């Protein structure tokens, strides 16, 4: 039996203008997770994702690394129950 969760992840550092959101989308798609990622006006990147708890943790490990030109300084995660509102994973603008 799987443990389905929702996570709100905010990543800060050099994470805008370096392909970070597409990095997130590629990894989330590979893990079959649903949700979205978007830039925030603060310079951070927000990701909201739903899926298996273990797979979300795998994604978080990748988000802490980021793509080659990024530099992640902080990654905060808020866990909650899923709302089942996502059909796929997407980049929002």
N, C-alpha and C. Protein backbone atom coordinates (compact mmCIF):
# COMPACT_ATOMS: atom_id res chain seq x y z
N UNK A 1 0.83 -1.18 0.00
CA UNK A 1 0.00 0.00 0.00
C UNK A 1 0.88 1.25 0.00
N UNK A 2 0.58 2.18 -0.90
CA UNK A 2 1.43 3.36 -1.00
C UNK A 2 0.98 4.45 -0.03
N UNK A 3 1.89 5.32 0.30
CA UNK A 3 1.65 6.43 1.21
C UNK A 3 1.64 7.71 0.39
N UNK A 4 0.46 8.16 -0.05
CA UNK A 4 0.35 9.32 -0.92
C UNK A 4 0.31 10.59 -0.07
N UNK A 5 1.17 11.54 -0.43
CA UNK A 5 1.29 12.80 0.31
C UNK A 5 1.34 13.97 -0.67
N UNK A 6 1.29 15.17 -0.10
CA UNK A 6 1.47 16.40 -0.85
C UNK A 6 2.60 17.16 -0.17
N UNK A 7 3.45 17.80 -0.98
CA UNK A 7 4.54 18.60 -0.43
C UNK A 7 4.59 19.95 -1.13
N UNK A 8 4.79 20.98 -0.33
CA UNK A 8 5.05 22.33 -0.84
C UNK A 8 6.53 22.58 -0.58
N UNK A 9 7.28 22.75 -1.66
CA UNK A 9 8.74 22.86 -1.56
C UNK A 9 9.15 24.23 -2.08
N UNK A 10 9.91 24.96 -1.29
CA UNK A 10 10.44 26.26 -1.72
C UNK A 10 11.96 26.17 -1.67
N UNK A 11 12.55 26.45 -2.84
CA UNK A 11 14.00 26.36 -2.98
C UNK A 11 14.55 27.77 -3.24
N UNK A 12 15.61 28.13 -2.53
CA UNK A 12 16.22 29.43 -2.73
C UNK A 12 17.69 29.28 -3.11
N UNK A 13 18.25 30.38 -3.57
CA UNK A 13 19.62 30.42 -4.06
C UNK A 13 19.60 30.92 -5.49
N UNK A 14 20.57 30.50 -6.29
CA UNK A 14 20.58 30.84 -7.72
C UNK A 14 19.76 29.77 -8.43
N UNK A 15 18.43 29.99 -8.49
CA UNK A 15 17.52 28.98 -9.02
C UNK A 15 16.60 29.53 -10.11
N UNK A 16 16.78 30.80 -10.48
CA UNK A 16 16.00 31.36 -11.59
C UNK A 16 16.95 31.73 -12.72
N UNK A 17 16.51 31.47 -13.95
CA UNK A 17 17.33 31.78 -15.12
C UNK A 17 18.40 30.73 -15.41
N UNK A 18 18.29 29.56 -14.79
CA UNK A 18 19.30 28.52 -14.97
C UNK A 18 18.68 27.18 -15.39
N UNK A 19 17.39 27.19 -15.80
CA UNK A 19 16.71 25.96 -16.21
C UNK A 19 16.22 25.12 -15.05
N UNK A 20 16.09 25.73 -13.88
CA UNK A 20 15.73 24.97 -12.69
C UNK A 20 14.33 24.36 -12.79
N UNK A 21 13.34 25.14 -13.26
CA UNK A 21 11.97 24.61 -13.32
C UNK A 21 11.87 23.42 -14.26
N UNK A 22 12.61 23.46 -15.37
CA UNK A 22 12.56 22.33 -16.32
C UNK A 22 13.29 21.12 -15.75
N UNK A 23 14.32 21.37 -14.96
CA UNK A 23 15.00 20.32 -14.21
C UNK A 23 14.00 19.63 -13.26
N UNK A 24 13.22 20.45 -12.53
CA UNK A 24 12.21 19.92 -11.62
C UNK A 24 11.19 19.08 -12.39
N UNK A 25 10.69 19.63 -13.50
CA UNK A 25 9.67 18.93 -14.28
C UNK A 25 10.19 17.59 -14.80
N UNK A 26 11.40 17.57 -15.30
CA UNK A 26 11.97 16.32 -15.83
C UNK A 26 12.04 15.25 -14.74
N UNK A 27 12.52 15.62 -13.56
CA UNK A 27 12.63 14.65 -12.47
C UNK A 27 11.26 14.23 -11.93
N UNK A 28 10.34 15.17 -11.82
CA UNK A 28 8.99 14.84 -11.35
C UNK A 28 8.29 13.90 -12.33
N UNK A 29 8.44 14.17 -13.64
CA UNK A 29 7.86 13.29 -14.65
C UNK A 29 8.45 11.89 -14.56
N UNK A 30 9.76 11.80 -14.39
CA UNK A 30 10.42 10.49 -14.29
C UNK A 30 9.94 9.70 -13.08
N UNK A 31 9.53 10.41 -12.02
CA UNK A 31 9.05 9.76 -10.80
C UNK A 31 7.53 9.59 -10.79
N UNK A 32 6.87 10.01 -11.87
CA UNK A 32 5.40 9.88 -11.99
C UNK A 32 4.67 10.71 -10.94
N UNK A 33 5.23 11.87 -10.60
CA UNK A 33 4.60 12.75 -9.63
C UNK A 33 3.75 13.78 -10.37
N UNK A 34 2.76 14.34 -9.69
CA UNK A 34 1.88 15.33 -10.28
C UNK A 34 1.96 16.62 -9.49
N UNK A 35 1.81 17.75 -10.20
CA UNK A 35 1.85 19.04 -9.54
C UNK A 35 2.36 20.11 -10.47
N UNK A 36 3.08 21.07 -9.90
CA UNK A 36 3.62 22.17 -10.72
C UNK A 36 4.83 22.79 -10.05
N UNK A 37 5.55 23.58 -10.83
CA UNK A 37 6.67 24.37 -10.32
C UNK A 37 6.58 25.74 -10.95
N UNK A 38 6.97 26.77 -10.19
CA UNK A 38 6.93 28.12 -10.74
C UNK A 38 7.92 29.02 -10.00
N UNK A 39 8.37 30.08 -10.70
CA UNK A 39 9.21 31.08 -10.08
C UNK A 39 8.37 31.96 -9.17
N UNK A 40 8.97 32.40 -8.06
CA UNK A 40 8.33 33.36 -7.17
C UNK A 40 9.02 34.72 -7.34
N UNK A 41 8.31 35.79 -7.03
CA UNK A 41 8.87 37.14 -7.14
C UNK A 41 10.05 37.35 -6.20
N UNK A 42 10.18 36.51 -5.20
CA UNK A 42 11.26 36.60 -4.22
C UNK A 42 12.59 36.06 -4.76
N UNK A 43 12.55 35.45 -5.97
CA UNK A 43 13.75 34.83 -6.52
C UNK A 43 13.84 33.34 -6.22
N UNK A 44 12.87 32.84 -5.48
CA UNK A 44 12.82 31.42 -5.14
C UNK A 44 11.99 30.66 -6.17
N UNK A 45 12.02 29.32 -6.08
CA UNK A 45 11.19 28.47 -6.91
C UNK A 45 10.28 27.65 -6.01
N UNK A 46 8.98 27.70 -6.31
CA UNK A 46 7.97 26.94 -5.58
C UNK A 46 7.61 25.70 -6.37
N UNK A 47 7.54 24.57 -5.70
CA UNK A 47 7.06 23.32 -6.30
C UNK A 47 6.00 22.74 -5.38
N UNK A 48 4.83 22.44 -5.94
CA UNK A 48 3.79 21.72 -5.20
C UNK A 48 3.63 20.40 -5.90
N UNK A 49 3.73 19.32 -5.15
CA UNK A 49 3.75 17.99 -5.76
C UNK A 49 2.96 17.00 -4.91
N UNK A 50 2.32 16.05 -5.60
CA UNK A 50 1.61 14.97 -4.93
C UNK A 50 2.07 13.64 -5.50
N UNK A 51 2.11 12.64 -4.63
CA UNK A 51 2.49 11.31 -5.05
C UNK A 51 2.98 10.50 -3.87
N UNK A 52 3.64 9.42 -4.17
CA UNK A 52 4.17 8.53 -3.15
C UNK A 52 5.22 9.26 -2.30
N UNK A 53 5.11 9.14 -0.98
CA UNK A 53 6.00 9.82 -0.05
C UNK A 53 7.48 9.57 -0.38
N UNK A 54 7.82 8.31 -0.63
CA UNK A 54 9.22 7.98 -0.93
C UNK A 54 9.70 8.62 -2.22
N UNK A 55 8.82 8.68 -3.23
CA UNK A 55 9.20 9.29 -4.51
C UNK A 55 9.34 10.81 -4.37
N UNK A 56 8.49 11.43 -3.56
CA UNK A 56 8.64 12.87 -3.31
C UNK A 56 9.97 13.13 -2.62
N UNK A 57 10.36 12.27 -1.68
CA UNK A 57 11.67 12.42 -1.04
C UNK A 57 12.80 12.29 -2.05
N UNK A 58 12.65 11.39 -3.02
CA UNK A 58 13.66 11.26 -4.08
C UNK A 58 13.76 12.56 -4.87
N UNK A 59 12.59 13.17 -5.17
CA UNK A 59 12.59 14.45 -5.89
C UNK A 59 13.27 15.53 -5.06
N UNK A 60 12.97 15.59 -3.77
CA UNK A 60 13.57 16.61 -2.90
C UNK A 60 15.09 16.50 -2.90
N UNK A 61 15.61 15.30 -2.90
CA UNK A 61 17.07 15.11 -2.96
C UNK A 61 17.64 15.74 -4.22
N UNK A 62 16.95 15.57 -5.36
CA UNK A 62 17.40 16.16 -6.62
C UNK A 62 17.27 17.69 -6.59
N UNK A 63 16.19 18.19 -5.99
CA UNK A 63 15.99 19.65 -5.94
C UNK A 63 17.06 20.33 -5.11
N UNK A 64 17.59 19.65 -4.12
CA UNK A 64 18.66 20.23 -3.30
C UNK A 64 19.96 20.34 -4.09
N UNK A 65 20.09 19.54 -5.15
CA UNK A 65 21.28 19.59 -6.01
C UNK A 65 21.06 20.59 -7.14
N UNK A 66 19.95 20.43 -7.86
CA UNK A 66 19.61 21.34 -8.96
C UNK A 66 20.44 21.09 -10.20
N UNK A 67 20.13 21.82 -11.30
CA UNK A 67 20.90 21.68 -12.53
C UNK A 67 22.30 22.29 -12.36
N UNK A 68 23.15 22.04 -13.34
CA UNK A 68 24.56 22.39 -13.24
C UNK A 68 24.81 23.88 -12.92
N UNK A 69 24.06 24.80 -13.52
CA UNK A 69 24.34 26.23 -13.33
C UNK A 69 23.65 26.83 -12.11
N UNK A 70 22.88 26.02 -11.40
CA UNK A 70 22.19 26.54 -10.22
C UNK A 70 23.07 26.41 -8.98
N UNK A 71 22.65 27.11 -7.93
CA UNK A 71 23.31 26.97 -6.63
C UNK A 71 22.22 27.07 -5.56
N UNK A 72 21.83 25.94 -5.00
CA UNK A 72 20.76 25.89 -4.02
C UNK A 72 21.34 26.19 -2.63
N UNK A 73 20.72 27.18 -1.95
CA UNK A 73 21.18 27.52 -0.60
C UNK A 73 20.22 27.04 0.48
N UNK A 74 18.93 26.85 0.12
CA UNK A 74 17.96 26.39 1.10
C UNK A 74 16.81 25.67 0.41
N UNK A 75 16.26 24.67 1.10
CA UNK A 75 15.12 23.92 0.58
C UNK A 75 14.19 23.63 1.75
N UNK A 76 13.01 24.26 1.75
CA UNK A 76 12.05 24.01 2.82
C UNK A 76 10.88 23.19 2.29
N UNK A 77 10.36 22.31 3.12
CA UNK A 77 9.29 21.40 2.72
C UNK A 77 8.18 21.44 3.76
N UNK A 78 6.94 21.61 3.29
CA UNK A 78 5.76 21.50 4.15
C UNK A 78 4.95 20.31 3.64
N UNK A 79 4.68 19.35 4.49
CA UNK A 79 3.91 18.16 4.13
C UNK A 79 2.44 18.34 4.47
N UNK A 80 1.57 17.78 3.64
CA UNK A 80 0.14 17.80 3.92
C UNK A 80 -0.53 16.62 3.22
N UNK A 81 -1.82 16.51 3.43
CA UNK A 81 -2.59 15.45 2.76
C UNK A 81 -2.87 15.86 1.31
N UNK A 82 -2.90 14.90 0.40
CA UNK A 82 -3.15 15.23 -1.01
C UNK A 82 -4.57 15.73 -1.25
N UNK A 83 -4.70 16.60 -2.25
CA UNK A 83 -6.01 17.13 -2.64
C UNK A 83 -6.47 16.54 -3.97
N UNK A 84 -5.59 15.77 -4.63
CA UNK A 84 -5.89 15.15 -5.92
C UNK A 84 -6.39 16.14 -6.96
N UNK A 85 -5.75 17.31 -7.02
CA UNK A 85 -6.18 18.34 -7.96
C UNK A 85 -5.33 18.39 -9.23
N UNK A 86 -4.26 17.62 -9.30
CA UNK A 86 -3.35 17.67 -10.45
C UNK A 86 -3.53 16.46 -11.35
N UNK A 87 -3.49 16.70 -12.66
CA UNK A 87 -3.58 15.60 -13.63
C UNK A 87 -2.21 15.20 -14.15
N UNK A 88 -1.25 16.14 -14.07
CA UNK A 88 0.11 15.90 -14.57
C UNK A 88 1.04 16.88 -13.86
N UNK A 89 2.30 16.91 -14.27
CA UNK A 89 3.24 17.89 -13.72
C UNK A 89 3.50 18.95 -14.77
N UNK A 90 3.52 20.22 -14.36
CA UNK A 90 3.69 21.30 -15.33
C UNK A 90 4.53 22.44 -14.77
N UNK A 91 5.06 23.23 -15.68
CA UNK A 91 5.75 24.48 -15.33
C UNK A 91 4.71 25.59 -15.45
N UNK A 92 4.56 26.38 -14.40
CA UNK A 92 3.64 27.52 -14.43
C UNK A 92 4.43 28.80 -14.52
N UNK A 93 3.81 29.78 -15.14
CA UNK A 93 4.46 31.09 -15.35
C UNK A 93 3.74 32.19 -14.60
